[in-house]
């Protein structure tokens, strides 16, 4: 926000400082919502809202000079991002069985962070230095569109969770043995 909106001031830093705890408080609420409606709808919300609203949101933030509207816009963006950040770890864990979970989660994460995370700052600074800062907003929206397409093809992880199946298999195996072998399974 400092680079695109209101000038570097104490007010801007206070906005950033206050927005982070708000973002933290949104996480469990979004997680609870995903428990009720499913993970996929929340991811689709993130992908759709980020695709459609990144450019207008960043454009308006970039032209905002007052602290309160800038703060509210920032929180709006954080609400959108919470559709991903609040549940991404559990979704990834639910998608893969334990025997390949580390590979299934780690490899795609490492590749996307290396490709997009590593280049994002350079792309942002390059287009800003070239005097075309709004191009970066489209870059971000394009990446959100890619995620939206992925979420569109993804199954609902909370109802077909490998974690739940593995837990159920463990409980059934323990019951069949009849001894529990010191295991406490609920």
N, C-alpha and C. Protein backbone atom coordinates (compact mmCIF):
# COMPACT_ATOMS: atom_id res chain seq x y z
N UNK A 1 0.83 -1.18 0.00
CA UNK A 1 0.00 0.00 0.00
C UNK A 1 0.87 1.25 0.00
N UNK A 2 2.02 1.17 0.63
CA UNK A 2 2.89 2.34 0.71
C UNK A 2 3.34 2.77 -0.68
N UNK A 3 3.60 1.82 -1.55
CA UNK A 3 4.12 2.16 -2.87
C UNK A 3 3.05 2.63 -3.85
N UNK A 4 1.77 2.31 -3.60
CA UNK A 4 0.76 2.63 -4.59
C UNK A 4 -0.30 3.59 -4.10
N UNK A 5 -0.48 3.73 -2.82
CA UNK A 5 -1.60 4.55 -2.35
C UNK A 5 -1.11 5.77 -1.60
N UNK A 6 -1.71 6.02 -0.45
CA UNK A 6 -1.38 7.23 0.30
C UNK A 6 0.09 7.25 0.65
N UNK A 7 0.61 8.43 0.81
CA UNK A 7 2.04 8.60 1.01
C UNK A 7 2.52 7.88 2.25
N UNK A 8 3.84 7.62 2.28
CA UNK A 8 4.44 6.98 3.44
C UNK A 8 4.23 7.86 4.66
N UNK A 9 3.31 7.44 5.47
CA UNK A 9 3.02 8.20 6.68
C UNK A 9 2.79 7.24 7.82
N UNK A 10 2.71 7.79 8.99
CA UNK A 10 2.36 6.99 10.15
C UNK A 10 0.99 6.37 9.98
N UNK A 11 0.06 7.11 9.35
CA UNK A 11 -1.29 6.59 9.13
C UNK A 11 -1.25 5.33 8.26
N UNK A 12 -0.45 5.32 7.21
CA UNK A 12 -0.34 4.15 6.34
C UNK A 12 0.20 2.97 7.12
N UNK A 13 1.19 3.20 7.92
CA UNK A 13 1.76 2.12 8.72
C UNK A 13 0.76 1.61 9.76
N UNK A 14 -0.03 2.51 10.32
CA UNK A 14 -1.07 2.09 11.27
C UNK A 14 -2.12 1.26 10.53
N UNK A 15 -2.51 1.67 9.34
CA UNK A 15 -3.45 0.88 8.54
C UNK A 15 -2.93 -0.54 8.34
N UNK A 16 -1.68 -0.65 7.94
CA UNK A 16 -1.08 -1.97 7.74
C UNK A 16 -1.06 -2.75 9.04
N UNK A 17 -0.69 -2.09 10.12
CA UNK A 17 -0.58 -2.73 11.43
C UNK A 17 -1.94 -3.23 11.91
N UNK A 18 -2.99 -2.47 11.69
CA UNK A 18 -4.34 -2.86 12.14
C UNK A 18 -4.94 -3.91 11.20
N UNK A 19 -4.63 -3.84 9.92
CA UNK A 19 -5.20 -4.79 8.95
C UNK A 19 -4.71 -6.22 9.21
N UNK A 20 -3.48 -6.38 9.66
CA UNK A 20 -2.96 -7.73 9.87
C UNK A 20 -3.72 -8.49 10.95
N UNK A 21 -3.98 -7.89 12.13
CA UNK A 21 -4.80 -8.63 13.12
C UNK A 21 -6.21 -8.91 12.61
N UNK A 22 -6.77 -8.01 11.82
CA UNK A 22 -8.09 -8.27 11.22
C UNK A 22 -7.99 -9.49 10.31
N UNK A 23 -6.94 -9.55 9.51
CA UNK A 23 -6.70 -10.68 8.62
C UNK A 23 -6.58 -11.98 9.43
N UNK A 24 -5.86 -11.92 10.53
CA UNK A 24 -5.69 -13.09 11.40
C UNK A 24 -7.04 -13.54 11.95
N UNK A 25 -7.88 -12.61 12.35
CA UNK A 25 -9.19 -12.95 12.90
C UNK A 25 -10.14 -13.53 11.85
N UNK A 26 -9.95 -13.16 10.60
CA UNK A 26 -10.80 -13.68 9.52
C UNK A 26 -10.51 -15.16 9.25
N UNK A 27 -9.28 -15.60 9.48
CA UNK A 27 -8.87 -16.96 9.11
C UNK A 27 -9.75 -18.04 9.74
N UNK A 28 -9.93 -18.05 11.06
CA UNK A 28 -10.77 -19.12 11.62
C UNK A 28 -12.23 -19.01 11.20
N UNK A 29 -12.70 -17.80 10.96
CA UNK A 29 -14.08 -17.64 10.50
C UNK A 29 -14.27 -18.24 9.11
N UNK A 30 -13.31 -18.00 8.24
CA UNK A 30 -13.36 -18.60 6.90
C UNK A 30 -13.21 -20.11 6.99
N UNK A 31 -12.37 -20.58 7.90
CA UNK A 31 -12.22 -22.03 8.10
C UNK A 31 -13.52 -22.66 8.56
N UNK A 32 -14.21 -22.00 9.50
CA UNK A 32 -15.51 -22.50 9.95
C UNK A 32 -16.52 -22.52 8.80
N UNK A 33 -16.50 -21.48 7.99
CA UNK A 33 -17.39 -21.43 6.84
C UNK A 33 -17.11 -22.61 5.90
N UNK A 34 -15.84 -22.92 5.70
CA UNK A 34 -15.49 -24.04 4.81
C UNK A 34 -15.96 -25.37 5.39
N UNK A 35 -16.00 -25.48 6.72
CA UNK A 35 -16.53 -26.69 7.34
C UNK A 35 -18.03 -26.85 7.06
N UNK A 36 -18.72 -25.73 6.90
CA UNK A 36 -20.17 -25.77 6.64
C UNK A 36 -20.50 -25.94 5.16
N UNK A 37 -19.81 -25.19 4.31
CA UNK A 37 -20.18 -25.19 2.88
C UNK A 37 -19.22 -25.99 2.01
N UNK A 38 -18.09 -26.38 2.57
CA UNK A 38 -17.08 -27.11 1.80
C UNK A 38 -15.88 -26.24 1.48
N UNK A 39 -14.79 -26.90 1.17
CA UNK A 39 -13.55 -26.18 0.84
C UNK A 39 -13.61 -25.59 -0.57
N UNK A 40 -14.13 -26.38 -1.49
CA UNK A 40 -14.15 -25.97 -2.89
C UNK A 40 -14.91 -24.67 -3.12
N UNK A 41 -16.10 -24.46 -2.52
CA UNK A 41 -16.78 -23.18 -2.72
C UNK A 41 -15.97 -21.99 -2.23
N UNK A 42 -15.23 -22.17 -1.14
CA UNK A 42 -14.40 -21.07 -0.65
C UNK A 42 -13.25 -20.79 -1.62
N UNK A 43 -12.65 -21.86 -2.15
CA UNK A 43 -11.58 -21.67 -3.13
C UNK A 43 -12.12 -21.04 -4.41
N UNK A 44 -13.31 -21.46 -4.83
CA UNK A 44 -13.92 -20.85 -6.02
C UNK A 44 -14.22 -19.37 -5.78
N UNK A 45 -14.67 -19.04 -4.56
CA UNK A 45 -14.88 -17.63 -4.20
C UNK A 45 -13.58 -16.85 -4.34
N UNK A 46 -12.50 -17.39 -3.76
CA UNK A 46 -11.20 -16.72 -3.86
C UNK A 46 -10.80 -16.54 -5.32
N UNK A 47 -10.83 -17.63 -6.09
CA UNK A 47 -10.39 -17.55 -7.48
C UNK A 47 -11.23 -16.59 -8.30
N UNK A 48 -12.55 -16.65 -8.13
CA UNK A 48 -13.43 -15.77 -8.89
C UNK A 48 -13.31 -14.32 -8.47
N UNK A 49 -13.34 -14.08 -7.16
CA UNK A 49 -13.25 -12.69 -6.67
C UNK A 49 -11.89 -12.09 -6.98
N UNK A 50 -10.82 -12.87 -6.82
CA UNK A 50 -9.49 -12.34 -7.12
C UNK A 50 -9.33 -12.06 -8.61
N UNK A 51 -9.90 -12.91 -9.45
CA UNK A 51 -9.83 -12.70 -10.89
C UNK A 51 -10.58 -11.43 -11.29
N UNK A 52 -11.78 -11.28 -10.76
CA UNK A 52 -12.63 -10.16 -11.18
C UNK A 52 -12.33 -8.85 -10.45
N UNK A 53 -11.84 -8.93 -9.22
CA UNK A 53 -11.74 -7.71 -8.41
C UNK A 53 -10.32 -7.19 -8.18
N UNK A 54 -9.30 -7.95 -8.55
CA UNK A 54 -7.93 -7.48 -8.30
C UNK A 54 -7.66 -6.16 -9.01
N UNK A 55 -7.98 -6.09 -10.29
CA UNK A 55 -7.68 -4.86 -11.05
C UNK A 55 -8.46 -3.67 -10.50
N UNK A 56 -9.79 -3.76 -10.35
CA UNK A 56 -10.49 -2.59 -9.81
C UNK A 56 -10.07 -2.25 -8.38
N UNK A 57 -9.88 -3.26 -7.55
CA UNK A 57 -9.49 -3.01 -6.16
C UNK A 57 -8.14 -2.30 -6.07
N UNK A 58 -7.16 -2.81 -6.80
CA UNK A 58 -5.83 -2.21 -6.76
C UNK A 58 -5.82 -0.82 -7.41
N UNK A 59 -6.63 -0.64 -8.44
CA UNK A 59 -6.72 0.67 -9.08
C UNK A 59 -7.30 1.70 -8.12
N UNK A 60 -8.37 1.33 -7.43
CA UNK A 60 -8.99 2.25 -6.48
C UNK A 60 -8.05 2.51 -5.30
N UNK A 61 -7.40 1.47 -4.79
CA UNK A 61 -6.44 1.66 -3.70
C UNK A 61 -5.34 2.62 -4.15
N UNK A 62 -4.87 2.44 -5.37
CA UNK A 62 -3.81 3.30 -5.90
C UNK A 62 -4.20 4.75 -6.02
N UNK A 63 -5.48 5.02 -6.11
CA UNK A 63 -5.96 6.40 -6.24
C UNK A 63 -6.56 6.95 -4.95
N UNK A 64 -6.53 6.18 -3.89
CA UNK A 64 -7.10 6.60 -2.62
C UNK A 64 -6.07 7.36 -1.80
N UNK A 65 -6.48 8.48 -1.30
CA UNK A 65 -5.56 9.30 -0.50
C UNK A 65 -5.98 9.39 0.96
N UNK A 66 -7.17 8.92 1.29
CA UNK A 66 -7.66 8.97 2.67
C UNK A 66 -7.42 7.63 3.34
N UNK A 67 -7.11 7.67 4.63
CA UNK A 67 -6.72 6.48 5.37
C UNK A 67 -7.85 5.47 5.53
N UNK A 68 -9.03 5.89 5.94
CA UNK A 68 -10.10 4.93 6.21
C UNK A 68 -10.55 4.20 4.96
N UNK A 69 -10.81 4.88 3.85
CA UNK A 69 -11.17 4.11 2.64
C UNK A 69 -10.05 3.16 2.20
N UNK A 70 -8.81 3.58 2.32
CA UNK A 70 -7.69 2.71 1.96
C UNK A 70 -7.67 1.47 2.85
N UNK A 71 -7.92 1.67 4.14
CA UNK A 71 -7.96 0.55 5.08
C UNK A 71 -9.09 -0.42 4.73
N UNK A 72 -10.26 0.11 4.47
CA UNK A 72 -11.41 -0.74 4.15
C UNK A 72 -11.19 -1.51 2.85
N UNK A 73 -10.58 -0.87 1.87
CA UNK A 73 -10.25 -1.57 0.62
C UNK A 73 -9.23 -2.68 0.87
N UNK A 74 -8.25 -2.38 1.71
CA UNK A 74 -7.24 -3.38 2.04
C UNK A 74 -7.88 -4.57 2.73
N UNK A 75 -8.76 -4.33 3.69
CA UNK A 75 -9.44 -5.42 4.38
C UNK A 75 -10.31 -6.20 3.40
N UNK A 76 -10.95 -5.52 2.46
CA UNK A 76 -11.72 -6.21 1.43
C UNK A 76 -10.86 -7.19 0.64
N UNK A 77 -9.68 -6.74 0.28
CA UNK A 77 -8.74 -7.63 -0.42
C UNK A 77 -8.31 -8.80 0.45
N UNK A 78 -8.13 -8.54 1.73
CA UNK A 78 -7.73 -9.61 2.64
C UNK A 78 -8.85 -10.62 2.85
N UNK A 79 -10.09 -10.17 2.81
CA UNK A 79 -11.22 -11.09 2.90
C UNK A 79 -11.20 -12.03 1.69
N UNK A 80 -10.95 -11.48 0.52
CA UNK A 80 -10.87 -12.31 -0.69
C UNK A 80 -9.75 -13.33 -0.56
N UNK A 81 -8.58 -12.89 -0.16
CA UNK A 81 -7.42 -13.79 -0.03
C UNK A 81 -7.66 -14.85 1.03
N UNK A 82 -8.48 -14.53 2.03
CA UNK A 82 -8.78 -15.50 3.10
C UNK A 82 -9.50 -16.73 2.56
N UNK A 83 -10.15 -16.61 1.42
CA UNK A 83 -10.76 -17.77 0.79
C UNK A 83 -9.74 -18.83 0.44
N UNK A 84 -8.50 -18.45 0.33
CA UNK A 84 -7.41 -19.39 0.08
C UNK A 84 -6.57 -19.63 1.34
N UNK A 85 -6.13 -18.56 1.96
CA UNK A 85 -5.17 -18.70 3.05
C UNK A 85 -5.71 -19.46 4.25
N UNK A 86 -7.02 -19.38 4.49
CA UNK A 86 -7.59 -20.01 5.67
C UNK A 86 -7.67 -21.52 5.56
N UNK A 87 -7.65 -22.05 4.36
CA UNK A 87 -7.89 -23.49 4.19
C UNK A 87 -6.86 -24.20 3.33
N UNK A 88 -5.90 -23.49 2.77
CA UNK A 88 -5.01 -24.13 1.79
C UNK A 88 -4.26 -25.32 2.35
N UNK A 89 -3.81 -25.25 3.59
CA UNK A 89 -3.03 -26.36 4.15
C UNK A 89 -3.88 -27.61 4.31
N UNK A 90 -5.09 -27.45 4.83
CA UNK A 90 -5.94 -28.62 5.03
C UNK A 90 -6.41 -29.21 3.70
N UNK A 91 -6.67 -28.35 2.73
CA UNK A 91 -7.08 -28.85 1.41
C UNK A 91 -5.98 -29.72 0.83
N UNK A 92 -4.77 -29.25 0.88
CA UNK A 92 -3.65 -30.02 0.32
C UNK A 92 -3.48 -31.34 1.06
N UNK A 93 -3.63 -31.32 2.37
CA UNK A 93 -3.49 -32.55 3.14
C UNK A 93 -4.62 -33.53 2.82
N UNK A 94 -5.83 -33.02 2.61
CA UNK A 94 -6.97 -33.89 2.31
C UNK A 94 -6.89 -34.50 0.91
N UNK A 95 -6.17 -33.88 0.01
CA UNK A 95 -6.12 -34.35 -1.37
C UNK A 95 -5.24 -35.58 -1.57
N UNK A 96 -4.27 -35.79 -0.68
CA UNK A 96 -3.28 -36.84 -0.92
C UNK A 96 -3.26 -37.86 0.20
N UNK A 97 -3.10 -39.14 -0.14
CA UNK A 97 -2.93 -40.15 0.90
C UNK A 97 -1.58 -39.96 1.60
N UNK A 98 -1.48 -40.45 2.81
CA UNK A 98 -0.29 -40.23 3.65
C UNK A 98 1.00 -40.69 2.96
N UNK A 99 0.94 -41.77 2.21
CA UNK A 99 2.17 -42.32 1.62
C UNK A 99 2.82 -41.38 0.61
N UNK A 100 2.03 -40.47 0.00
CA UNK A 100 2.61 -39.52 -0.96
C UNK A 100 2.29 -38.07 -0.61
N UNK A 101 1.76 -37.83 0.59
CA UNK A 101 1.31 -36.49 0.95
C UNK A 101 2.44 -35.45 0.88
N UNK A 102 3.60 -35.78 1.40
CA UNK A 102 4.71 -34.82 1.39
C UNK A 102 5.08 -34.44 -0.04
N UNK A 103 5.14 -35.41 -0.92
CA UNK A 103 5.45 -35.14 -2.33
C UNK A 103 4.30 -34.39 -3.00
N UNK A 104 3.07 -34.83 -2.76
CA UNK A 104 1.90 -34.22 -3.38
C UNK A 104 1.69 -32.78 -2.99
N UNK A 105 2.04 -32.43 -1.76
CA UNK A 105 1.92 -31.06 -1.29
C UNK A 105 3.19 -30.27 -1.61
N UNK A 106 4.33 -30.85 -1.33
CA UNK A 106 5.60 -30.13 -1.42
C UNK A 106 6.04 -29.76 -2.83
N UNK A 107 5.94 -30.71 -3.76
CA UNK A 107 6.42 -30.45 -5.11
C UNK A 107 5.64 -29.34 -5.82
N UNK A 108 4.31 -29.41 -5.87
CA UNK A 108 3.58 -28.31 -6.53
C UNK A 108 3.80 -26.97 -5.82
N UNK A 109 3.87 -27.02 -4.49
CA UNK A 109 4.10 -25.78 -3.74
C UNK A 109 5.45 -25.18 -4.10
N UNK A 110 6.48 -26.01 -4.09
CA UNK A 110 7.83 -25.53 -4.42
C UNK A 110 7.89 -24.96 -5.83
N UNK A 111 7.26 -25.63 -6.78
CA UNK A 111 7.28 -25.15 -8.16
C UNK A 111 6.55 -23.82 -8.32
N UNK A 112 5.36 -23.70 -7.73
CA UNK A 112 4.62 -22.45 -7.89
C UNK A 112 5.29 -21.30 -7.18
N UNK A 113 5.86 -21.56 -6.01
CA UNK A 113 6.57 -20.49 -5.31
C UNK A 113 7.82 -20.09 -6.09
N UNK A 114 8.53 -21.06 -6.63
CA UNK A 114 9.74 -20.75 -7.39
C UNK A 114 9.41 -19.96 -8.66
N UNK A 115 8.34 -20.36 -9.34
CA UNK A 115 7.99 -19.69 -10.60
C UNK A 115 7.33 -18.34 -10.36
N UNK A 116 6.27 -18.33 -9.55
CA UNK A 116 5.48 -17.11 -9.38
C UNK A 116 5.94 -16.27 -8.20
N UNK A 117 6.19 -16.92 -7.08
CA UNK A 117 6.63 -16.17 -5.90
C UNK A 117 7.97 -15.51 -6.10
N UNK A 118 8.86 -16.21 -6.76
CA UNK A 118 10.19 -15.66 -6.98
C UNK A 118 10.23 -14.55 -8.01
N UNK A 119 9.30 -14.58 -8.94
CA UNK A 119 9.32 -13.58 -10.01
C UNK A 119 8.37 -12.41 -9.78
N UNK A 120 7.44 -12.56 -8.87
CA UNK A 120 6.38 -11.57 -8.71
C UNK A 120 6.91 -10.18 -8.38
N UNK A 121 7.81 -10.10 -7.43
CA UNK A 121 8.35 -8.79 -7.06
C UNK A 121 9.09 -8.14 -8.22
N UNK A 122 9.84 -8.95 -8.97
CA UNK A 122 10.58 -8.41 -10.10
C UNK A 122 9.64 -7.91 -11.19
N UNK A 123 8.58 -8.67 -11.46
CA UNK A 123 7.59 -8.25 -12.45
C UNK A 123 6.94 -6.95 -12.01
N UNK A 124 6.55 -6.88 -10.72
CA UNK A 124 5.89 -5.67 -10.20
C UNK A 124 6.81 -4.45 -10.33
N UNK A 125 8.04 -4.59 -9.93
CA UNK A 125 8.97 -3.45 -10.01
C UNK A 125 9.31 -3.08 -11.45
N UNK A 126 9.42 -4.08 -12.30
CA UNK A 126 9.74 -3.84 -13.70
C UNK A 126 8.63 -3.04 -14.38
N UNK A 127 7.37 -3.46 -14.21
CA UNK A 127 6.28 -2.73 -14.86
C UNK A 127 6.07 -1.36 -14.23
N UNK A 128 6.33 -1.25 -12.93
CA UNK A 128 6.20 0.06 -12.28
C UNK A 128 7.28 1.02 -12.81
N UNK A 129 8.52 0.52 -12.90
CA UNK A 129 9.60 1.36 -13.43
C UNK A 129 9.35 1.75 -14.89
N UNK A 130 8.66 0.88 -15.61
CA UNK A 130 8.34 1.18 -17.00
C UNK A 130 7.14 2.12 -17.13
N UNK A 131 6.55 2.47 -15.97
CA UNK A 131 5.41 3.38 -15.97
C UNK A 131 4.09 2.72 -16.30
N UNK A 132 4.03 1.40 -16.15
CA UNK A 132 2.81 0.65 -16.47
C UNK A 132 2.36 -0.20 -15.27
N UNK A 133 2.32 0.41 -14.11
CA UNK A 133 1.97 -0.33 -12.89
C UNK A 133 0.67 -1.13 -13.01
N UNK A 134 -0.38 -0.61 -13.65
CA UNK A 134 -1.62 -1.39 -13.76
C UNK A 134 -1.45 -2.74 -14.46
N UNK A 135 -0.43 -2.90 -15.28
CA UNK A 135 -0.19 -4.19 -15.94
C UNK A 135 0.01 -5.28 -14.89
N UNK A 136 0.65 -4.92 -13.79
CA UNK A 136 0.88 -5.90 -12.73
C UNK A 136 -0.44 -6.39 -12.14
N UNK A 137 -1.43 -5.52 -12.03
CA UNK A 137 -2.72 -5.92 -11.50
C UNK A 137 -3.34 -7.01 -12.38
N UNK A 138 -3.16 -6.88 -13.69
CA UNK A 138 -3.65 -7.90 -14.62
C UNK A 138 -2.84 -9.19 -14.50
N UNK A 139 -1.56 -9.07 -14.24
CA UNK A 139 -0.70 -10.23 -14.01
C UNK A 139 -1.23 -11.04 -12.82
N UNK A 140 -1.54 -10.35 -11.73
CA UNK A 140 -2.06 -11.01 -10.53
C UNK A 140 -3.44 -11.62 -10.83
N UNK A 141 -4.30 -10.88 -11.50
CA UNK A 141 -5.63 -11.40 -11.85
C UNK A 141 -5.52 -12.63 -12.75
N UNK A 142 -4.56 -12.63 -13.64
CA UNK A 142 -4.33 -13.79 -14.51
C UNK A 142 -3.92 -15.01 -13.73
N UNK A 143 -3.08 -14.82 -12.72
CA UNK A 143 -2.67 -15.94 -11.86
C UNK A 143 -3.87 -16.45 -11.06
N UNK A 144 -4.73 -15.54 -10.64
CA UNK A 144 -5.94 -15.94 -9.92
C UNK A 144 -6.87 -16.73 -10.84
N UNK A 145 -6.93 -16.34 -12.11
CA UNK A 145 -7.75 -17.06 -13.08
C UNK A 145 -7.24 -18.50 -13.25
N UNK A 146 -5.94 -18.67 -13.28
CA UNK A 146 -5.37 -20.02 -13.36
C UNK A 146 -5.83 -20.84 -12.16
N UNK A 147 -5.78 -20.26 -10.97
CA UNK A 147 -6.22 -21.00 -9.78
C UNK A 147 -7.71 -21.31 -9.86
N UNK A 148 -8.50 -20.38 -10.38
CA UNK A 148 -9.94 -20.61 -10.51
C UNK A 148 -10.21 -21.81 -11.42
N UNK A 149 -9.49 -21.91 -12.51
CA UNK A 149 -9.66 -23.05 -13.42
C UNK A 149 -9.31 -24.35 -12.69
N UNK A 150 -8.22 -24.35 -11.94
CA UNK A 150 -7.83 -25.54 -11.17
C UNK A 150 -8.93 -25.91 -10.18
N UNK A 151 -9.43 -24.93 -9.43
CA UNK A 151 -10.49 -25.21 -8.44
C UNK A 151 -11.75 -25.70 -9.12
N UNK A 152 -12.01 -25.25 -10.35
CA UNK A 152 -13.17 -25.71 -11.08
C UNK A 152 -13.13 -27.20 -11.38
N UNK A 153 -11.93 -27.75 -11.54
CA UNK A 153 -11.77 -29.18 -11.84
C UNK A 153 -11.51 -30.02 -10.59
N UNK A 154 -11.26 -29.37 -9.49
CA UNK A 154 -10.90 -30.06 -8.25
C UNK A 154 -12.14 -30.65 -7.58
N UNK A 155 -11.97 -31.80 -6.95
CA UNK A 155 -13.09 -32.37 -6.19
C UNK A 155 -13.19 -31.69 -4.83
N UNK A 156 -14.31 -31.85 -4.18
CA UNK A 156 -14.50 -31.30 -2.84
C UNK A 156 -13.68 -32.14 -1.87
N UNK A 157 -12.63 -31.56 -1.32
CA UNK A 157 -11.70 -32.33 -0.50
C UNK A 157 -12.27 -32.69 0.86
N UNK A 158 -13.19 -31.90 1.40
CA UNK A 158 -13.69 -32.19 2.74
C UNK A 158 -14.60 -33.42 2.78
N UNK A 159 -15.23 -33.75 1.66
CA UNK A 159 -16.11 -34.93 1.64
C UNK A 159 -15.41 -36.17 1.10
N UNK A 160 -14.26 -36.00 0.51
CA UNK A 160 -13.50 -37.15 0.01
C UNK A 160 -12.08 -37.09 0.54
N UNK A 161 -11.98 -36.77 1.82
CA UNK A 161 -10.69 -36.54 2.45
C UNK A 161 -9.92 -37.83 2.67
N UNK A 162 -8.67 -37.83 2.25
CA UNK A 162 -7.80 -38.97 2.54
C UNK A 162 -7.51 -39.06 4.03
N UNK A 163 -7.51 -37.95 4.72
CA UNK A 163 -7.27 -37.95 6.16
C UNK A 163 -8.38 -38.73 6.86
N UNK A 164 -9.63 -38.44 6.51
CA UNK A 164 -10.77 -39.14 7.13
C UNK A 164 -10.74 -40.63 6.79
N UNK A 165 -10.47 -40.96 5.53
CA UNK A 165 -10.42 -42.38 5.14
C UNK A 165 -9.33 -43.12 5.90
N UNK A 166 -8.17 -42.49 6.04
CA UNK A 166 -7.07 -43.14 6.75
C UNK A 166 -7.42 -43.31 8.22
N UNK A 167 -8.08 -42.33 8.79
CA UNK A 167 -8.51 -42.43 10.18
C UNK A 167 -9.50 -43.57 10.34
N UNK A 168 -10.49 -43.64 9.46
CA UNK A 168 -11.49 -44.71 9.52
C UNK A 168 -10.85 -46.08 9.35
N UNK A 169 -9.90 -46.20 8.43
CA UNK A 169 -9.20 -47.47 8.23
C UNK A 169 -8.45 -47.87 9.50
N UNK A 170 -7.81 -46.92 10.15
CA UNK A 170 -7.09 -47.20 11.39
C UNK A 170 -8.03 -47.67 12.48
N UNK A 171 -9.16 -47.00 12.62
CA UNK A 171 -10.16 -47.39 13.63
C UNK A 171 -10.67 -48.79 13.35
N UNK A 172 -11.00 -49.07 12.10
CA UNK A 172 -11.52 -50.40 11.74
C UNK A 172 -10.48 -51.49 11.97
N UNK A 173 -9.24 -51.23 11.61
CA UNK A 173 -8.16 -52.20 11.81
C UNK A 173 -7.97 -52.47 13.29
N UNK A 174 -8.00 -51.44 14.10
CA UNK A 174 -7.81 -51.58 15.54
C UNK A 174 -8.97 -52.37 16.14
N UNK A 175 -10.18 -52.11 15.71
CA UNK A 175 -11.35 -52.84 16.22
C UNK A 175 -11.31 -54.30 15.80
N UNK A 176 -10.87 -54.57 14.58
CA UNK A 176 -10.82 -55.94 14.10
C UNK A 176 -9.80 -56.76 14.89
N UNK A 177 -8.70 -56.14 15.25
CA UNK A 177 -7.69 -56.83 16.06
C UNK A 177 -8.23 -57.14 17.45
N UNK A 178 -9.04 -56.22 17.95
CA UNK A 178 -9.63 -56.42 19.25
C UNK A 178 -8.77 -56.08 20.42
N UNK A 179 -7.48 -55.83 20.17
CA UNK A 179 -6.61 -55.55 21.31
C UNK A 179 -6.21 -54.08 21.40
N UNK A 180 -6.28 -53.39 20.32
CA UNK A 180 -5.92 -51.97 20.32
C UNK A 180 -4.44 -51.75 20.39
N UNK A 181 -3.68 -52.73 20.85
CA UNK A 181 -2.21 -52.64 20.97
C UNK A 181 -1.77 -51.32 21.57
N UNK A 182 -2.47 -50.91 22.61
CA UNK A 182 -2.10 -49.68 23.31
C UNK A 182 -2.51 -48.42 22.61
N UNK A 183 -3.25 -48.56 21.50
CA UNK A 183 -3.64 -47.38 20.74
C UNK A 183 -4.96 -46.83 21.27
N UNK A 184 -5.03 -45.55 21.35
CA UNK A 184 -6.29 -44.90 21.74
C UNK A 184 -6.85 -44.22 20.49
N UNK A 185 -7.93 -44.76 19.97
CA UNK A 185 -8.53 -44.24 18.75
C UNK A 185 -9.97 -43.89 19.05
N UNK A 186 -10.36 -42.69 18.66
CA UNK A 186 -11.76 -42.29 18.89
C UNK A 186 -12.55 -42.35 17.64
